């Protein structure tokens, strides 16, 4: 397959590297546009793999040219595609910004998120929750940092963890950095309900890219892999390193 344009909707933390995913320009019946998750032949995608020739790490809402070689479906991760990061580095073509960004999210909300959250027949979806909450915590002694989020979708499509008290882990690099900046040096815990969160973000709408983890304890766990608010938020500067 020739090089493809991919709208990046997830740039996430993993123990051994990062994970990224996004929409191609190809049409798909349920998701509107086709999801892809770039993978390597061996081991995990690294930050350097998603760094352009100028040394900039690709960000969510960048439109990036990637060399997609062949599909590598690993159900439920049917979106996996082998990518050549060595011979052809990612090239950022443009960014999706402003009103176009909000219109795209609204247009391509997933029509069957239960495929991901309940049936596990695929592993990526874009959703617009009716209600969200967020929690950030940093143990100053151990340095352990957590970002979690709960969300409720319309209809009988919700995952019990997402609507439960603990919520699910958020692996979005930018969101995790935002939480660290809000907590500051002292750490502690910050919990924000739906209204308080939107007010603090200066946001009118929240869209989430939701994915499934790789198998762990014979389960596939939901993760928030991208937090997309309209209008977008800007990280305070300087921020602490992501953890």
Protein backbone atom coordinates (compact mmCIF):
# COMPACT_ATOMS: atom_id res chain seq x y z
CA UNK A 1 0.00 0.00 0.00
CA UNK A 2 1.33 3.49 -0.78
CA UNK A 3 1.90 6.04 1.96
CA UNK A 4 -1.33 7.00 3.66
CA UNK A 5 -2.60 10.11 5.42
CA UNK A 6 -3.57 9.32 9.01
CA UNK A 7 -5.33 11.74 11.35
CA UNK A 8 -3.76 10.93 14.71
CA UNK A 9 -6.36 10.57 17.46
CA UNK A 10 -4.27 8.71 20.04
CA UNK A 11 -0.72 9.21 21.33
CA UNK A 12 -0.46 7.20 24.49
CA UNK A 13 1.81 5.96 27.25
CA UNK A 14 2.76 2.29 27.47
CA UNK A 15 5.20 0.60 29.83
CA UNK A 16 7.69 -0.11 27.05
CA UNK A 17 6.96 2.68 24.58
CA UNK A 18 3.91 4.37 23.08
CA UNK A 19 0.78 3.43 21.16
CA UNK A 20 -0.76 5.54 18.44
CA UNK A 21 -3.88 5.28 16.28
CA UNK A 22 -6.03 7.34 13.98
CA UNK A 23 -8.32 7.64 10.98
CA UNK A 24 -7.27 7.11 7.39
CA UNK A 25 -9.18 8.75 4.55
CA UNK A 26 -10.82 5.41 3.65
CA UNK A 27 -14.54 5.12 4.30
CA UNK A 28 -15.88 2.57 6.76
CA UNK A 29 -19.55 1.67 7.35
CA UNK A 30 -19.79 1.99 11.16
CA UNK A 31 -16.95 4.32 12.10
CA UNK A 32 -17.23 6.59 9.06
CA UNK A 33 -13.48 6.52 8.48
CA UNK A 34 -11.19 3.53 8.85
CA UNK A 35 -9.13 3.22 12.02
CA UNK A 36 -5.51 2.08 11.91
CA UNK A 37 -3.09 1.35 14.75
CA UNK A 38 0.53 1.44 13.55
CA UNK A 39 2.66 -1.43 14.90
CA UNK A 40 6.22 -2.65 14.44
CA UNK A 41 7.31 -6.08 13.28
CA UNK A 42 8.96 -6.63 16.65
CA UNK A 43 8.44 -4.94 20.04
CA UNK A 44 6.53 -1.76 20.82
CA UNK A 45 6.36 1.49 18.86
CA UNK A 46 8.83 3.97 20.40
CA UNK A 47 8.73 7.76 20.66
CA UNK A 48 11.47 7.96 18.06
CA UNK A 49 9.28 6.08 15.58
CA UNK A 50 6.66 8.84 15.77
CA UNK A 51 9.14 11.71 15.66
CA UNK A 52 9.43 13.61 12.40
CA UNK A 53 12.60 14.64 10.60
CA UNK A 54 12.72 17.90 12.58
CA UNK A 55 12.71 16.02 15.89
CA UNK A 56 9.10 16.85 16.84
CA UNK A 57 6.97 14.15 18.43
CA UNK A 58 3.72 13.71 16.50
CA UNK A 59 0.68 15.01 18.39
CA UNK A 60 -3.03 14.27 18.35
CA UNK A 61 -4.83 16.01 15.48
CA UNK A 62 -1.71 16.03 13.33
CA UNK A 63 -2.37 14.63 9.86
CA UNK A 64 0.63 12.41 9.26
CA UNK A 65 1.87 10.55 6.21
CA UNK A 66 2.78 6.97 7.18
CA UNK A 67 4.04 4.03 5.17
CA UNK A 68 1.42 1.34 5.89
CA UNK A 69 2.83 -1.97 4.69
CA UNK A 70 0.21 -4.60 5.48
CA UNK A 71 -2.60 -5.36 7.94
CA UNK A 72 -1.61 -7.32 11.05
CA UNK A 73 -5.00 -7.99 12.72
CA UNK A 74 -4.74 -9.50 16.19
CA UNK A 75 -8.40 -9.77 17.29
CA UNK A 76 -9.89 -7.78 18.83
CA UNK A 77 -7.12 -5.45 17.64
CA UNK A 78 -8.21 -5.76 14.04
CA UNK A 79 -7.00 -2.23 13.28
CA UNK A 80 -3.28 -3.10 13.58
CA UNK A 81 -1.14 -2.27 10.54
CA UNK A 82 2.55 -2.90 10.12
CA UNK A 83 4.32 0.41 9.43
CA UNK A 84 7.81 1.05 8.06
CA UNK A 85 9.28 3.58 10.50
CA UNK A 86 12.90 2.97 9.46
CA UNK A 87 13.08 3.86 5.77
CA UNK A 88 10.28 6.44 5.69
CA UNK A 89 9.81 8.55 8.79
CA UNK A 90 6.38 10.02 9.61
CA UNK A 91 5.79 13.34 7.89
CA UNK A 92 3.38 15.85 9.38
CA UNK A 93 1.32 17.34 6.55
CA UNK A 94 -0.98 19.65 8.51
CA UNK A 95 -3.05 19.91 11.69
CA UNK A 96 -6.79 19.62 12.18
CA UNK A 97 -7.73 22.77 14.07
CA UNK A 98 -10.52 25.20 14.85
CA UNK A 99 -14.07 24.65 13.64
CA UNK A 100 -13.02 21.87 11.22
CA UNK A 101 -11.85 19.86 14.21
CA UNK A 102 -15.18 20.07 16.01
CA UNK A 103 -17.13 19.26 12.83
CA UNK A 104 -15.03 16.17 12.15
CA UNK A 105 -15.50 14.78 15.66
CA UNK A 106 -19.25 15.30 15.46
CA UNK A 107 -19.46 13.65 12.04
CA UNK A 108 -17.44 10.55 12.86
CA UNK A 109 -18.78 9.53 16.27
CA UNK A 110 -18.91 5.72 16.32
CA UNK A 111 -22.31 4.25 15.47
CA UNK A 112 -21.75 1.01 17.40
CA UNK A 113 -19.34 1.52 20.35
CA UNK A 114 -20.69 -1.68 21.87
CA UNK A 115 -18.55 -3.53 19.30
CA UNK A 116 -15.56 -2.30 21.30
CA UNK A 117 -16.88 -1.94 24.86
CA UNK A 118 -19.07 -5.05 25.07
CA UNK A 119 -18.54 -7.47 22.18
CA UNK A 120 -14.79 -6.91 21.64
CA UNK A 121 -15.04 -7.48 17.90
CA UNK A 122 -12.77 -4.47 17.30
CA UNK A 123 -10.71 -2.24 19.57
CA UNK A 124 -11.04 1.46 18.72
CA UNK A 125 -13.93 3.92 18.71
CA UNK A 126 -14.62 7.65 18.93
CA UNK A 127 -17.45 8.50 21.33
CA UNK A 128 -19.20 11.56 22.70
CA UNK A 129 -20.17 10.85 26.33
CA UNK A 130 -23.24 12.31 27.94
CA UNK A 131 -21.31 12.60 31.19
CA UNK A 132 -17.63 12.47 32.13
CA UNK A 133 -15.50 12.89 35.24
CA UNK A 134 -11.74 12.94 35.70
CA UNK A 135 -9.33 12.10 38.50
CA UNK A 136 -5.59 12.71 38.76
CA UNK A 137 -3.43 11.50 41.63
CA UNK A 138 0.27 11.73 42.43
CA UNK A 139 1.85 10.05 45.42
CA UNK A 140 4.68 12.39 46.34
CA UNK A 141 6.52 9.64 48.24
CA UNK A 142 6.52 6.94 45.57
CA UNK A 143 6.15 9.23 42.56
CA UNK A 144 3.33 7.05 41.23
CA UNK A 145 1.01 9.04 39.01
CA UNK A 146 -2.45 8.02 37.80
CA UNK A 147 -4.97 9.59 35.43
CA UNK A 148 -8.43 8.04 35.29
CA UNK A 149 -11.76 8.97 33.76
CA UNK A 150 -15.34 7.78 33.96
CA UNK A 151 -17.84 8.26 31.15
CA UNK A 152 -21.45 7.44 30.35
CA UNK A 153 -22.69 6.91 26.79
CA UNK A 154 -26.25 7.07 25.53
CA UNK A 155 -28.04 3.73 25.40
CA UNK A 156 -27.13 0.20 26.48
CA UNK A 157 -23.54 0.38 25.32
CA UNK A 158 -21.63 1.19 28.52
CA UNK A 159 -18.78 -0.77 30.03
CA UNK A 160 -19.17 -1.35 33.79
CA UNK A 161 -15.68 -0.03 34.52
CA UNK A 162 -16.27 3.18 32.61
CA UNK A 163 -19.43 3.95 34.58
CA UNK A 164 -18.03 2.69 37.89
CA UNK A 165 -16.43 4.63 40.74
CA UNK A 166 -12.83 3.98 39.64
CA UNK A 167 -13.38 4.71 35.97
CA UNK A 168 -10.72 3.59 33.49
CA UNK A 169 -7.10 4.52 32.93
CA UNK A 170 -6.27 7.42 30.63
CA UNK A 171 -3.10 6.84 28.62
CA UNK A 172 -3.26 10.02 26.48
CA UNK A 173 0.17 11.70 26.82
CA UNK A 174 -1.14 15.26 26.59
CA UNK A 175 -3.98 14.63 29.07
CA UNK A 176 -1.61 13.05 31.56
CA UNK A 177 0.72 16.03 31.27
CA UNK A 178 -2.24 18.36 31.85
CA UNK A 179 -3.17 16.49 35.04
CA UNK A 180 0.39 16.74 36.32
CA UNK A 181 0.37 20.48 35.75
CA UNK A 182 -2.93 20.81 37.62
CA UNK A 183 -1.64 18.80 40.58
CA UNK A 184 1.59 20.77 40.81
CA UNK A 185 4.67 19.79 42.79
CA UNK A 186 2.79 18.79 45.94
CA UNK A 187 0.83 16.02 44.27
CA UNK A 188 -2.27 14.69 45.97
CA UNK A 189 -5.59 13.97 44.26
CA UNK A 190 -7.78 16.12 42.05
CA UNK A 191 -11.28 14.95 41.11
CA UNK A 192 -13.48 16.95 38.73
CA UNK A 193 -17.11 16.20 37.88
CA UNK A 194 -18.55 16.89 34.44
CA UNK A 195 -19.37 20.59 34.90
CA UNK A 196 -16.20 21.39 36.84
CA UNK A 197 -14.07 19.64 34.23
CA UNK A 198 -15.58 21.47 31.27
CA UNK A 199 -15.38 24.76 33.14
CA UNK A 200 -11.72 24.26 33.95
CA UNK A 201 -10.95 23.28 30.36
CA UNK A 202 -13.03 26.12 28.90
CA UNK A 203 -14.67 23.42 26.78
CA UNK A 204 -18.13 23.02 25.30
CA UNK A 205 -17.86 19.37 24.23
CA UNK A 206 -15.77 16.31 25.05
CA UNK A 207 -15.02 13.44 22.66
CA UNK A 208 -13.04 10.37 23.67
CA UNK A 209 -11.01 7.93 21.64
CA UNK A 210 -11.50 4.64 23.49
CA UNK A 211 -9.40 1.54 22.94
CA UNK A 212 -8.94 -1.94 24.33
CA UNK A 213 -5.74 -3.04 26.05
CA UNK A 214 -3.83 -6.10 24.98
CA UNK A 215 -4.89 -9.24 26.81
CA UNK A 216 -4.16 -9.09 30.54
CA UNK A 217 -5.52 -11.67 32.97
CA UNK A 218 -7.46 -13.06 30.00
CA UNK A 219 -9.38 -9.78 29.62
CA UNK A 220 -9.30 -6.77 27.32
CA UNK A 221 -9.58 -3.62 29.41
CA UNK A 222 -11.05 -0.35 28.11
CA UNK A 223 -8.69 2.63 28.03
CA UNK A 224 -9.20 6.28 27.17
CA UNK A 225 -6.47 6.71 24.56
CA UNK A 226 -7.41 10.22 23.43
CA UNK A 227 -9.23 13.12 25.11
CA UNK A 228 -10.46 15.65 22.56
CA UNK A 229 -12.27 18.75 23.78
CA UNK A 230 -13.88 21.52 21.75
CA UNK A 231 -12.40 24.08 21.75
CA UNK A 232 -9.03 22.41 22.35
CA UNK A 233 -7.05 22.98 25.53
CA UNK A 234 -3.47 24.20 25.71
CA UNK A 235 -0.93 22.79 28.15
CA UNK A 236 0.39 25.29 30.70
CA UNK A 237 4.08 25.99 30.33
CA UNK A 238 6.34 24.77 31.74
CA UNK A 239 4.97 21.31 32.56
CA UNK A 240 6.52 18.46 34.46
CA UNK A 241 7.61 15.37 32.59
CA UNK A 242 4.91 12.87 31.79
CA UNK A 243 4.75 9.75 33.88
